[in-house]
C-alpha atoms as a PDB file:
ATOM      1  CA  MET A   1      39.827  85.143  75.928  1.00  0.00           C
ATOM      2  CA  SER A   2      36.469  84.173  74.436  1.00  0.00           C
ATOM      3  CA  GLU A   3      35.053  80.689  74.859  1.00  0.00           C
ATOM      4  CA  LYS A   4      35.621  79.963  71.150  1.00  0.00           C
ATOM      5  CA  GLN A   5      39.248  81.016  71.407  1.00  0.00           C
ATOM      6  CA  GLU A   6      39.724  78.835  74.499  1.00  0.00           C
ATOM      7  CA  ILE A   7      38.226  75.817  72.712  1.00  0.00           C
ATOM      8  CA  ILE A   8      40.468  76.393  69.694  1.00  0.00           C
ATOM      9  CA  LYS A   9      43.482  76.718  72.004  1.00  0.00           C
ATOM     10  CA  GLN A  10      42.607  73.393  73.674  1.00  0.00           C
ATOM     11  CA  MET A  11      42.132  71.712  70.291  1.00  0.00           C
ATOM     12  CA  LEU A  12      45.505  72.941  69.055  1.00  0.00           C
ATOM     13  CA  GLU A  13      47.157  71.622  72.218  1.00  0.00           C
ATOM     14  CA  LEU A  14      45.531  68.218  71.701  1.00  0.00           C
ATOM     15  CA  GLN A  15      46.784  68.209  68.103  1.00  0.00           C
ATOM     16  CA  ARG A  16      50.299  69.055  69.319  1.00  0.00           C
ATOM     17  CA  GLN A  17      50.167  66.200  71.837  1.00  0.00           C
ATOM     18  CA  PHE A  18      48.909  63.769  69.189  1.00  0.00           C
ATOM     19  CA  ILE A  19      51.754  64.717  66.849  1.00  0.00           C
ATOM     20  CA  GLU A  20      54.253  64.102  69.658  1.00  0.00           C
ATOM     21  CA  ILE A  21      52.752  60.657  70.335  1.00  0.00           C
ATOM     22  CA  GLU A  22      52.771  59.778  66.648  1.00  0.00           C
ATOM     23  CA  GLN A  23      56.333  60.980  66.050  1.00  0.00           C
ATOM     24  CA  ALA A  24      57.584  59.143  69.132  1.00  0.00           C
ATOM     25  CA  GLY A  25      56.248  55.904  67.644  1.00  0.00           C
ATOM     26  CA  LYS A  26      53.698  55.455  70.427  1.00  0.00           C
ATOM     27  CA  PHE A  27      50.651  55.560  68.138  1.00  0.00           C
ATOM     28  CA  SER A  28      48.330  52.581  68.391  1.00  0.00           C
ATOM     29  CA  ALA A  29      45.395  52.333  65.988  1.00  0.00           C
ATOM     30  CA  GLU A  30      43.686  50.009  68.460  1.00  0.00           C
ATOM     31  CA  ASP A  31      43.824  52.695  71.164  1.00  0.00           C
ATOM     32  CA  TYR A  32      42.880  55.494  68.778  1.00  0.00           C
ATOM     33  CA  TYR A  33      39.800  53.775  67.352  1.00  0.00           C
ATOM     34  CA  ASP A  34      38.574  52.233  70.626  1.00  0.00           C
ATOM     35  CA  PRO A  35      35.632  54.530  71.481  1.00  0.00           C
ATOM     36  CA  ASP A  36      35.454  53.348  75.094  1.00  0.00           C
ATOM     37  CA  GLY A  37      39.173  52.919  75.636  1.00  0.00           C
ATOM     38  CA  ASP A  38      40.987  54.147  78.713  1.00  0.00           C
ATOM     39  CA  SER A  39      44.246  54.901  76.927  1.00  0.00           C
ATOM     40  CA  GLU A  40      45.488  58.474  76.830  1.00  0.00           C
ATOM     41  CA  LEU A  41      45.114  58.491  73.047  1.00  0.00           C
ATOM     42  CA  ALA A  42      41.460  57.370  73.192  1.00  0.00           C
ATOM     43  CA  LYS A  43      40.708  59.987  75.842  1.00  0.00           C
ATOM     44  CA  GLN A  44      42.375  62.704  73.763  1.00  0.00           C
ATOM     45  CA  LYS A  45      40.352  61.739  70.704  1.00  0.00           C
ATOM     46  CA  ARG A  46      37.073  61.863  72.654  1.00  0.00           C
ATOM     47  CA  THR A  47      37.993  65.230  74.163  1.00  0.00           C
ATOM     48  CA  TYR A  48      38.921  66.615  70.745  1.00  0.00           C
ATOM     49  CA  GLU A  49      35.629  65.414  69.244  1.00  0.00           C
ATOM     50  CA  GLU A  50      33.655  66.967  72.109  1.00  0.00           C
ATOM     51  CA  LEU A  51      35.452  70.295  71.683  1.00  0.00           C
ATOM     52  CA  ALA A  52      34.948  70.231  67.912  1.00  0.00           C
ATOM     53  CA  THR A  53      31.230  69.576  68.356  1.00  0.00           C
ATOM     54  CA  ARG A  54      30.922  72.452  70.822  1.00  0.00           C
ATOM     55  CA  LEU A  55      32.739  74.744  68.413  1.00  0.00           C
ATOM     56  CA  VAL A  56      30.458  73.782  65.515  1.00  0.00           C
ATOM     57  CA  ASP A  57      27.372  74.247  67.701  1.00  0.00           C
ATOM     58  CA  MET A  58      28.609  77.688  68.749  1.00  0.00           C
ATOM     59  CA  ALA A  59      29.198  78.677  65.127  1.00  0.00           C
ATOM     60  CA  HIS A  60      25.676  77.593  64.163  1.00  0.00           C
ATOM     61  CA  ALA A  61      24.179  79.485  67.105  1.00  0.00           C
ATOM     62  CA  GLU A  62      26.176  82.555  66.165  1.00  0.00           C
ATOM     63  CA  LYS A  63      24.859  82.478  62.590  1.00  0.00           C
ATOM     64  CA  GLY A  64      21.364  81.358  63.538  1.00  0.00           C
ATOM     65  CA  SER A  65      21.605  78.166  61.506  1.00  0.00           C
ATOM     66  CA  HIS A  66      20.976  74.556  62.456  1.00  0.00           C
ATOM     67  CA  ARG A  67      22.943  71.343  62.118  1.00  0.00           C
END
């Protein structure tokens, strides 16, 4: 599996986990929007953002463009 595919797979898993948290009624806006929070939700959001940034950077490198 390519690195891009692995990143996308991880992102989809994080989305699935977020949906489970939200549907279970465990969503907390305070946890979600706390950039330095230690909650699982805050950690998932940071991880997702890091993966998304890597994916965008890879796409730009692939096309020879810049952000």
